[in-house]
Amino acid sequence: MADESETTVPGRIVDLLERHQVLFDRSSHRPVYTSADAAEVRGESLHSGAKALLVKTDSGFVLLVLPGDCKLDSKATKRLAGSKSLRFATREEVAELTGLEPGSIPPFGSLFGLPTFCDAGLAECEQINFNAGAHTESIRMRYQDYQHVESPTVGAFSRPAS
């Protein structure tokens, strides 16, 4: 039987971070389904939450990562991705591409063969927090380490969610 690291997304994330010798904290908690609930249960700022959104552009699916207190700026995202169209992936597409439920996707498109775009606003955080493939698992790590491990395309494509 395969161990967790070979079969689960949380295990694959841990393997990825350990291979890169990145320090991180992994925690288990009650299920959370919103960025605000996740920030509360983690005891961290909403802004430091790395919210991962799977979207479809003209050229295919991409993973967008933005601060938890922001929402997607569709026009800026289309410009950055060089796309005329943009839509959120359906629940079925999320499951097919990642094996996960919406809201549990980690900010590592590379785990799923997807390009990753990270909003520059997340770089304001020394530490970032994210769901690690489950609504009950979180990881906290340094933003600089995330940038080094994932090497996302960085740009400005979010706005405050006021």
N, C-alpha and C. Protein backbone atom coordinates (compact mmCIF):
# COMPACT_ATOMS: atom_id res chain seq x y z
N MET A 1 0.84 -1.19 0.00
CA MET A 1 0.00 0.00 0.00
C MET A 1 0.89 1.25 0.00
N ALA A 2 0.51 2.25 -0.79
CA ALA A 2 1.29 3.49 -0.87
C ALA A 2 1.08 4.31 0.39
N ASP A 3 2.12 5.06 0.78
CA ASP A 3 1.96 5.92 1.95
C ASP A 3 1.29 7.22 1.53
N GLU A 4 0.96 8.06 2.53
CA GLU A 4 0.24 9.30 2.28
C GLU A 4 0.93 10.16 1.24
N SER A 5 2.25 10.22 1.28
CA SER A 5 2.97 11.13 0.40
C SER A 5 2.80 10.78 -1.07
N GLU A 6 2.50 9.54 -1.36
CA GLU A 6 2.36 9.14 -2.76
C GLU A 6 0.92 9.25 -3.25
N THR A 7 -0.05 9.38 -2.33
CA THR A 7 -1.44 9.27 -2.75
C THR A 7 -2.31 10.48 -2.47
N THR A 8 -1.93 11.35 -1.55
CA THR A 8 -2.80 12.46 -1.20
C THR A 8 -2.16 13.79 -1.57
N VAL A 9 -2.99 14.77 -1.83
CA VAL A 9 -2.47 16.09 -2.14
C VAL A 9 -1.72 16.67 -0.94
N PRO A 10 -2.27 16.58 0.31
CA PRO A 10 -1.47 17.08 1.43
C PRO A 10 -0.09 16.41 1.51
N GLY A 11 -0.03 15.13 1.28
CA GLY A 11 1.25 14.42 1.30
C GLY A 11 2.17 14.87 0.18
N ARG A 12 1.60 15.12 -1.00
CA ARG A 12 2.42 15.59 -2.13
C ARG A 12 2.98 16.98 -1.86
N ILE A 13 2.20 17.84 -1.18
CA ILE A 13 2.69 19.17 -0.82
C ILE A 13 3.85 19.04 0.17
N VAL A 14 3.66 18.23 1.19
CA VAL A 14 4.72 18.01 2.19
C VAL A 14 5.99 17.51 1.50
N ASP A 15 5.85 16.54 0.61
CA ASP A 15 7.01 16.03 -0.12
C ASP A 15 7.71 17.13 -0.91
N LEU A 16 6.92 17.95 -1.61
CA LEU A 16 7.46 19.05 -2.41
C LEU A 16 8.25 20.02 -1.53
N LEU A 17 7.67 20.41 -0.40
CA LEU A 17 8.33 21.37 0.48
C LEU A 17 9.57 20.76 1.13
N GLU A 18 9.48 19.50 1.52
CA GLU A 18 10.66 18.86 2.12
C GLU A 18 11.78 18.69 1.11
N ARG A 19 11.46 18.37 -0.14
CA ARG A 19 12.49 18.25 -1.18
C ARG A 19 13.23 19.57 -1.36
N HIS A 20 12.53 20.68 -1.20
CA HIS A 20 13.14 22.01 -1.33
C HIS A 20 13.68 22.53 0.01
N GLN A 21 13.62 21.69 1.03
CA GLN A 21 14.14 22.03 2.37
C GLN A 21 13.51 23.31 2.90
N VAL A 22 12.19 23.41 2.73
CA VAL A 22 11.43 24.57 3.18
C VAL A 22 10.82 24.28 4.55
N LEU A 23 10.95 25.24 5.45
CA LEU A 23 10.31 25.13 6.75
C LEU A 23 8.84 25.51 6.60
N PHE A 24 7.96 24.73 7.22
CA PHE A 24 6.53 25.01 7.15
C PHE A 24 5.85 24.41 8.37
N ASP A 25 4.67 24.89 8.67
CA ASP A 25 3.83 24.33 9.72
C ASP A 25 2.59 23.76 9.08
N ARG A 26 2.26 22.54 9.46
CA ARG A 26 1.05 21.88 8.96
C ARG A 26 0.11 21.71 10.15
N SER A 27 -1.16 22.05 9.95
CA SER A 27 -2.11 21.90 11.04
C SER A 27 -3.42 21.30 10.54
N SER A 28 -4.10 20.64 11.46
CA SER A 28 -5.44 20.10 11.20
C SER A 28 -6.42 20.93 12.02
N HIS A 29 -7.62 21.12 11.50
CA HIS A 29 -8.62 21.95 12.16
C HIS A 29 -10.00 21.55 11.68
N ARG A 30 -11.01 22.20 12.26
CA ARG A 30 -12.39 21.95 11.82
C ARG A 30 -12.51 22.32 10.34
N PRO A 31 -13.43 21.74 9.62
CA PRO A 31 -13.60 22.09 8.21
C PRO A 31 -13.91 23.57 8.02
N VAL A 32 -13.25 24.20 7.05
CA VAL A 32 -13.50 25.60 6.71
C VAL A 32 -13.76 25.70 5.21
N TYR A 33 -14.71 26.58 4.87
CA TYR A 33 -15.13 26.69 3.46
C TYR A 33 -15.02 28.09 2.90
N THR A 34 -14.63 29.06 3.75
CA THR A 34 -14.44 30.42 3.26
C THR A 34 -13.07 30.91 3.73
N SER A 35 -12.55 31.91 3.05
CA SER A 35 -11.26 32.48 3.45
C SER A 35 -11.33 33.07 4.85
N ALA A 36 -12.47 33.70 5.18
CA ALA A 36 -12.63 34.31 6.51
C ALA A 36 -12.63 33.24 7.59
N ASP A 37 -13.34 32.14 7.37
CA ASP A 37 -13.36 31.05 8.36
C ASP A 37 -11.97 30.44 8.51
N ALA A 38 -11.26 30.29 7.39
CA ALA A 38 -9.91 29.72 7.44
C ALA A 38 -8.98 30.62 8.25
N ALA A 39 -9.04 31.93 8.03
CA ALA A 39 -8.19 32.86 8.77
C ALA A 39 -8.50 32.79 10.26
N GLU A 40 -9.78 32.70 10.59
CA GLU A 40 -10.18 32.63 12.00
C GLU A 40 -9.65 31.36 12.66
N VAL A 41 -9.84 30.22 12.04
CA VAL A 41 -9.41 28.97 12.65
C VAL A 41 -7.88 28.87 12.73
N ARG A 42 -7.19 29.51 11.81
CA ARG A 42 -5.72 29.51 11.82
C ARG A 42 -5.15 30.56 12.77
N GLY A 43 -5.97 31.55 13.14
CA GLY A 43 -5.48 32.65 13.97
C GLY A 43 -4.52 33.55 13.21
N GLU A 44 -4.76 33.70 11.90
CA GLU A 44 -3.89 34.49 11.02
C GLU A 44 -4.71 35.56 10.32
N SER A 45 -4.03 36.53 9.71
CA SER A 45 -4.75 37.59 8.99
C SER A 45 -5.40 37.03 7.73
N LEU A 46 -6.53 37.62 7.38
CA LEU A 46 -7.24 37.21 6.17
C LEU A 46 -6.36 37.47 4.94
N HIS A 47 -5.61 38.57 4.95
CA HIS A 47 -4.77 38.92 3.80
C HIS A 47 -3.72 37.85 3.51
N SER A 48 -3.21 37.18 4.56
CA SER A 48 -2.15 36.19 4.38
C SER A 48 -2.65 34.86 3.82
N GLY A 49 -3.96 34.71 3.68
CA GLY A 49 -4.50 33.48 3.11
C GLY A 49 -4.28 33.45 1.61
N ALA A 50 -3.60 32.43 1.12
CA ALA A 50 -3.34 32.29 -0.31
C ALA A 50 -4.52 31.52 -0.93
N LYS A 51 -5.47 32.28 -1.45
CA LYS A 51 -6.69 31.72 -2.03
C LYS A 51 -6.39 31.28 -3.46
N ALA A 52 -6.61 30.00 -3.74
CA ALA A 52 -6.31 29.46 -5.07
C ALA A 52 -7.61 29.25 -5.84
N LEU A 53 -7.67 29.85 -7.03
CA LEU A 53 -8.86 29.76 -7.88
C LEU A 53 -8.48 29.12 -9.21
N LEU A 54 -9.23 28.13 -9.61
CA LEU A 54 -9.01 27.48 -10.89
C LEU A 54 -9.92 28.14 -11.92
N VAL A 55 -9.32 28.68 -12.98
CA VAL A 55 -10.09 29.36 -14.02
C VAL A 55 -9.69 28.84 -15.39
N LYS A 56 -10.60 29.04 -16.33
CA LYS A 56 -10.31 28.65 -17.71
C LYS A 56 -10.15 29.91 -18.55
N THR A 57 -9.03 29.96 -19.28
CA THR A 57 -8.74 31.06 -20.20
C THR A 57 -8.83 30.52 -21.62
N ASP A 58 -8.56 31.37 -22.60
CA ASP A 58 -8.56 30.94 -24.00
C ASP A 58 -7.60 29.78 -24.24
N SER A 59 -6.49 29.76 -23.51
CA SER A 59 -5.47 28.74 -23.75
C SER A 59 -5.57 27.54 -22.80
N GLY A 60 -6.55 27.54 -21.91
CA GLY A 60 -6.72 26.40 -21.01
C GLY A 60 -6.85 26.84 -19.56
N PHE A 61 -6.76 25.87 -18.68
CA PHE A 61 -6.93 26.14 -17.26
C PHE A 61 -5.64 26.66 -16.64
N VAL A 62 -5.79 27.59 -15.70
CA VAL A 62 -4.67 28.12 -14.92
C VAL A 62 -5.12 28.25 -13.47
N LEU A 63 -4.15 28.26 -12.58
CA LEU A 63 -4.42 28.45 -11.16
C LEU A 63 -4.04 29.88 -10.79
N LEU A 64 -4.98 30.60 -10.22
CA LEU A 64 -4.75 31.97 -9.77
C LEU A 64 -4.67 31.97 -8.25
N VAL A 65 -3.68 32.65 -7.70
CA VAL A 65 -3.50 32.71 -6.25
C VAL A 65 -3.54 34.17 -5.84
N LEU A 66 -4.44 34.50 -4.92
CA LEU A 66 -4.58 35.87 -4.48
C LEU A 66 -4.81 35.94 -2.98
N PRO A 67 -4.59 37.11 -2.38
CA PRO A 67 -4.80 37.24 -0.94
C PRO A 67 -6.25 36.94 -0.57
N GLY A 68 -6.45 36.37 0.60
CA GLY A 68 -7.78 35.96 1.04
C GLY A 68 -8.78 37.08 1.19
N ASP A 69 -8.31 38.31 1.38
CA ASP A 69 -9.22 39.44 1.54
C ASP A 69 -9.47 40.18 0.23
N CYS A 70 -9.09 39.56 -0.88
CA CYS A 70 -9.27 40.20 -2.19
C CYS A 70 -10.17 39.35 -3.07
N LYS A 71 -10.66 40.00 -4.13
CA LYS A 71 -11.41 39.26 -5.14
C LYS A 71 -10.74 39.46 -6.48
N LEU A 72 -11.08 38.59 -7.39
CA LEU A 72 -10.47 38.58 -8.71
C LEU A 72 -10.88 39.81 -9.52
N ASP A 73 -9.92 40.44 -10.17
CA ASP A 73 -10.17 41.51 -11.13
C ASP A 73 -10.09 40.83 -12.51
N SER A 74 -11.25 40.54 -13.07
CA SER A 74 -11.30 39.77 -14.32
C SER A 74 -10.57 40.44 -15.47
N LYS A 75 -10.74 41.75 -15.61
CA LYS A 75 -10.07 42.46 -16.71
C LYS A 75 -8.56 42.37 -16.59
N ALA A 76 -8.04 42.59 -15.39
CA ALA A 76 -6.59 42.51 -15.18
C ALA A 76 -6.09 41.09 -15.40
N THR A 77 -6.88 40.10 -15.00
CA THR A 77 -6.49 38.70 -15.18
C THR A 77 -6.43 38.35 -16.66
N LYS A 78 -7.41 38.79 -17.42
CA LYS A 78 -7.41 38.52 -18.86
C LYS A 78 -6.18 39.14 -19.52
N ARG A 79 -5.85 40.38 -19.12
CA ARG A 79 -4.65 41.03 -19.68
C ARG A 79 -3.40 40.23 -19.34
N LEU A 80 -3.25 39.85 -18.08
CA LEU A 80 -2.07 39.11 -17.65
C LEU A 80 -1.95 37.76 -18.36
N ALA A 81 -3.08 37.09 -18.53
CA ALA A 81 -3.08 35.76 -19.15
C ALA A 81 -3.14 35.84 -20.67
N GLY A 82 -3.29 37.04 -21.23
CA GLY A 82 -3.39 37.19 -22.68
C GLY A 82 -4.62 36.48 -23.23
N SER A 83 -5.75 36.64 -22.52
CA SER A 83 -6.96 35.91 -22.87
C SER A 83 -8.13 36.86 -23.07
N LYS A 84 -9.00 36.53 -24.02
CA LYS A 84 -10.21 37.32 -24.22
C LYS A 84 -11.33 36.84 -23.32
N SER A 85 -11.28 35.57 -22.93
CA SER A 85 -12.34 35.03 -22.08
C SER A 85 -11.74 34.48 -20.78
N LEU A 86 -12.61 34.40 -19.78
CA LEU A 86 -12.19 33.92 -18.47
C LEU A 86 -13.44 33.45 -17.73
N ARG A 87 -13.36 32.26 -17.16
CA ARG A 87 -14.47 31.79 -16.34
C ARG A 87 -13.93 30.86 -15.26
N PHE A 88 -14.66 30.79 -14.16
CA PHE A 88 -14.28 29.88 -13.09
C PHE A 88 -14.54 28.45 -13.54
N ALA A 89 -13.69 27.54 -13.10
CA ALA A 89 -13.91 26.11 -13.37
C ALA A 89 -15.15 25.65 -12.62
N THR A 90 -15.85 24.72 -13.20
CA THR A 90 -17.00 24.13 -12.52
C THR A 90 -16.50 23.16 -11.44
N ARG A 91 -17.38 22.79 -10.54
CA ARG A 91 -17.04 21.82 -9.50
C ARG A 91 -16.51 20.53 -10.14
N GLU A 92 -17.13 20.12 -11.24
CA GLU A 92 -16.71 18.89 -11.93
C GLU A 92 -15.33 19.06 -12.55
N GLU A 93 -15.05 20.20 -13.13
CA GLU A 93 -13.73 20.45 -13.71
C GLU A 93 -12.65 20.49 -12.63
N VAL A 94 -12.97 21.11 -11.48
CA VAL A 94 -12.02 21.14 -10.37
C VAL A 94 -11.69 19.71 -9.95
N ALA A 95 -12.71 18.88 -9.79
CA ALA A 95 -12.50 17.49 -9.38
C ALA A 95 -11.69 16.72 -10.43
N GLU A 96 -12.01 16.92 -11.70
CA GLU A 96 -11.30 16.22 -12.77
C GLU A 96 -9.83 16.62 -12.85
N LEU A 97 -9.55 17.92 -12.72
CA LEU A 97 -8.18 18.41 -12.87
C LEU A 97 -7.31 18.25 -11.63
N THR A 98 -7.93 18.29 -10.45
CA THR A 98 -7.15 18.27 -9.21
C THR A 98 -7.48 17.12 -8.28
N GLY A 99 -8.65 16.51 -8.45
CA GLY A 99 -9.10 15.48 -7.52
C GLY A 99 -9.61 16.08 -6.22
N LEU A 100 -9.82 17.41 -6.20
CA LEU A 100 -10.19 18.11 -4.97
C LEU A 100 -11.55 18.80 -5.11
N GLU A 101 -12.02 19.32 -3.97
CA GLU A 101 -13.23 20.14 -3.96
C GLU A 101 -12.82 21.60 -4.05
N PRO A 102 -13.68 22.44 -4.63
CA PRO A 102 -13.40 23.88 -4.61
C PRO A 102 -13.17 24.33 -3.16
N GLY A 103 -12.23 25.24 -2.98
CA GLY A 103 -11.93 25.74 -1.65
C GLY A 103 -10.84 24.98 -0.92
N SER A 104 -10.42 23.85 -1.46
CA SER A 104 -9.36 23.08 -0.80
C SER A 104 -8.08 23.05 -1.64
N ILE A 105 -8.08 23.73 -2.76
CA ILE A 105 -6.94 23.69 -3.69
C ILE A 105 -5.76 24.47 -3.11
N PRO A 106 -4.59 23.86 -3.07
CA PRO A 106 -3.40 24.57 -2.61
C PRO A 106 -2.87 25.47 -3.73
N PRO A 107 -1.99 26.43 -3.40
CA PRO A 107 -1.51 27.38 -4.40
C PRO A 107 -0.37 26.85 -5.29
N PHE A 108 -0.36 25.56 -5.52
CA PHE A 108 0.69 24.93 -6.32
C PHE A 108 0.10 24.29 -7.57
N GLY A 109 -0.08 25.08 -8.63
CA GLY A 109 -0.58 24.53 -9.88
C GLY A 109 0.34 23.46 -10.43
N SER A 110 1.63 23.56 -10.11
CA SER A 110 2.60 22.59 -10.62
C SER A 110 2.26 21.16 -10.19
N LEU A 111 1.58 21.00 -9.07
CA LEU A 111 1.18 19.65 -8.62
C LEU A 111 0.17 19.03 -9.57
N PHE A 112 -0.50 19.87 -10.35
CA PHE A 112 -1.56 19.39 -11.23
C PHE A 112 -1.27 19.66 -12.71
N GLY A 113 -0.04 20.07 -13.01
CA GLY A 113 0.34 20.38 -14.39
C GLY A 113 -0.30 21.65 -14.91
N LEU A 114 -0.57 22.60 -14.01
CA LEU A 114 -1.23 23.84 -14.38
C LEU A 114 -0.30 25.04 -14.18
N PRO A 115 -0.36 26.02 -15.08
CA PRO A 115 0.39 27.26 -14.84
C PRO A 115 -0.17 27.96 -13.61
N THR A 116 0.69 28.60 -12.84
CA THR A 116 0.27 29.32 -11.64
C THR A 116 0.58 30.80 -11.78
N PHE A 117 -0.43 31.63 -11.49
CA PHE A 117 -0.29 33.08 -11.47
C PHE A 117 -0.54 33.52 -10.03
N CYS A 118 0.35 34.31 -9.47
CA CYS A 118 0.21 34.79 -8.09
C CYS A 118 0.07 36.30 -8.09
N ASP A 119 -0.93 36.81 -7.38
CA ASP A 119 -1.13 38.25 -7.28
C ASP A 119 -0.02 38.86 -6.44
N ALA A 120 0.50 39.98 -6.90
CA ALA A 120 1.61 40.65 -6.22
C ALA A 120 1.26 41.06 -4.79
N GLY A 121 -0.02 41.23 -4.48
CA GLY A 121 -0.43 41.60 -3.13
C GLY A 121 -0.05 40.57 -2.08
N LEU A 122 0.07 39.33 -2.48
CA LEU A 122 0.44 38.28 -1.52
C LEU A 122 1.89 38.43 -1.06
N ALA A 123 2.72 39.06 -1.88
CA ALA A 123 4.13 39.26 -1.53
C ALA A 123 4.29 40.22 -0.35
N GLU A 124 3.23 40.94 0.00
CA GLU A 124 3.26 41.82 1.16
C GLU A 124 3.34 41.03 2.47
N CYS A 125 3.03 39.76 2.40
CA CYS A 125 2.98 38.91 3.60
C CYS A 125 4.29 38.16 3.76
N GLU A 126 4.84 38.22 4.96
CA GLU A 126 6.03 37.43 5.23
C GLU A 126 5.67 35.95 5.23
N GLN A 127 4.54 35.62 5.86
CA GLN A 127 4.05 34.25 5.92
C GLN A 127 2.73 34.16 5.16
N ILE A 128 2.52 33.06 4.46
CA ILE A 128 1.23 32.81 3.83
C ILE A 128 0.64 31.54 4.41
N ASN A 129 -0.66 31.41 4.29
CA ASN A 129 -1.41 30.26 4.82
C ASN A 129 -2.34 29.78 3.73
N PHE A 130 -2.54 28.48 3.66
CA PHE A 130 -3.43 27.96 2.62
C PHE A 130 -3.96 26.59 2.98
N ASN A 131 -5.13 26.27 2.39
CA ASN A 131 -5.67 24.92 2.51
C ASN A 131 -4.77 24.00 1.71
N ALA A 132 -4.49 22.87 2.31
CA ALA A 132 -3.50 21.95 1.73
C ALA A 132 -4.16 20.71 1.14
N GLY A 133 -5.16 20.92 0.30
CA GLY A 133 -5.80 19.80 -0.37
C GLY A 133 -6.98 19.23 0.38
N ALA A 134 -7.33 19.83 1.50
CA ALA A 134 -8.48 19.40 2.29
C ALA A 134 -9.02 20.61 3.05
N HIS A 135 -10.30 20.59 3.35
CA HIS A 135 -10.90 21.69 4.11
C HIS A 135 -10.47 21.66 5.58
N THR A 136 -9.77 20.62 5.98
CA THR A 136 -9.36 20.44 7.38
C THR A 136 -7.85 20.47 7.57
N GLU A 137 -7.10 20.80 6.52
CA GLU A 137 -5.64 20.82 6.57
C GLU A 137 -5.12 22.17 6.09
N SER A 138 -4.21 22.77 6.85
CA SER A 138 -3.61 24.04 6.43
C SER A 138 -2.10 23.97 6.55
N ILE A 139 -1.45 24.79 5.75
CA ILE A 139 0.00 24.93 5.82
C ILE A 139 0.31 26.42 5.92
N ARG A 140 1.30 26.74 6.74
CA ARG A 140 1.83 28.10 6.85
C ARG A 140 3.30 28.02 6.46
N MET A 141 3.73 28.95 5.61
CA MET A 141 5.12 29.00 5.18
C MET A 141 5.47 30.41 4.78
N ARG A 142 6.76 30.68 4.59
CA ARG A 142 7.20 32.00 4.15
C ARG A 142 6.83 32.21 2.68
N TYR A 143 6.38 33.43 2.38
CA TYR A 143 6.06 33.75 0.99
C TYR A 143 7.28 33.55 0.09
N GLN A 144 8.45 33.99 0.55
CA GLN A 144 9.66 33.84 -0.27
C GLN A 144 9.93 32.39 -0.63
N ASP A 145 9.66 31.48 0.31
CA ASP A 145 9.85 30.05 0.03
C ASP A 145 8.82 29.56 -0.99
N TYR A 146 7.57 30.03 -0.85
CA TYR A 146 6.55 29.68 -1.84
C TYR A 146 6.99 30.13 -3.22
N GLN A 147 7.45 31.38 -3.32
CA GLN A 147 7.90 31.94 -4.59
C GLN A 147 9.03 31.08 -5.18
N HIS A 148 9.95 30.66 -4.34
CA HIS A 148 11.08 29.86 -4.80
C HIS A 148 10.63 28.48 -5.28
N VAL A 149 9.75 27.84 -4.54
CA VAL A 149 9.31 26.48 -4.88
C VAL A 149 8.41 26.46 -6.11
N GLU A 150 7.44 27.36 -6.17
CA GLU A 150 6.44 27.32 -7.25
C GLU A 150 6.84 28.14 -8.46
N SER A 151 7.59 29.22 -8.30
CA SER A 151 7.95 30.13 -9.39
C SER A 151 6.74 30.56 -10.22
N PRO A 152 5.71 31.10 -9.56
CA PRO A 152 4.52 31.52 -10.32
C PRO A 152 4.80 32.78 -11.12
N THR A 153 3.98 33.03 -12.12
CA THR A 153 3.98 34.30 -12.80
C THR A 153 3.31 35.29 -11.86
N VAL A 154 4.00 36.38 -11.54
CA VAL A 154 3.47 37.35 -10.58
C VAL A 154 2.94 38.57 -11.33
N GLY A 155 1.77 39.03 -10.92
CA GLY A 155 1.17 40.20 -11.53
C GLY A 155 0.07 40.74 -10.63
N ALA A 156 -0.54 41.84 -11.03
CA ALA A 156 -1.61 42.45 -10.25
C ALA A 156 -2.94 42.10 -10.89
N PHE A 157 -3.73 41.26 -10.23
CA PHE A 157 -5.03 40.87 -10.79
C PHE A 157 -6.11 40.69 -9.74
N SER A 158 -5.94 41.37 -8.60
CA SER A 158 -6.99 41.32 -7.58
C SER A 158 -7.32 42.73 -7.12
N ARG A 159 -8.43 42.83 -6.41
CA ARG A 159 -8.82 44.11 -5.81
C ARG A 159 -9.46 43.81 -4.46
N PRO A 160 -9.50 44.80 -3.57
CA PRO A 160 -10.11 44.56 -2.26
C PRO A 160 -11.55 44.06 -2.39
N ALA A 161 -11.93 43.17 -1.52
CA ALA A 161 -13.25 42.54 -1.60
C ALA A 161 -14.32 43.33 -0.87
N SER A 162 -14.13 44.60 -0.68
CA SER A 162 -15.09 45.42 0.10
C SER A 162 -16.46 45.40 -0.43
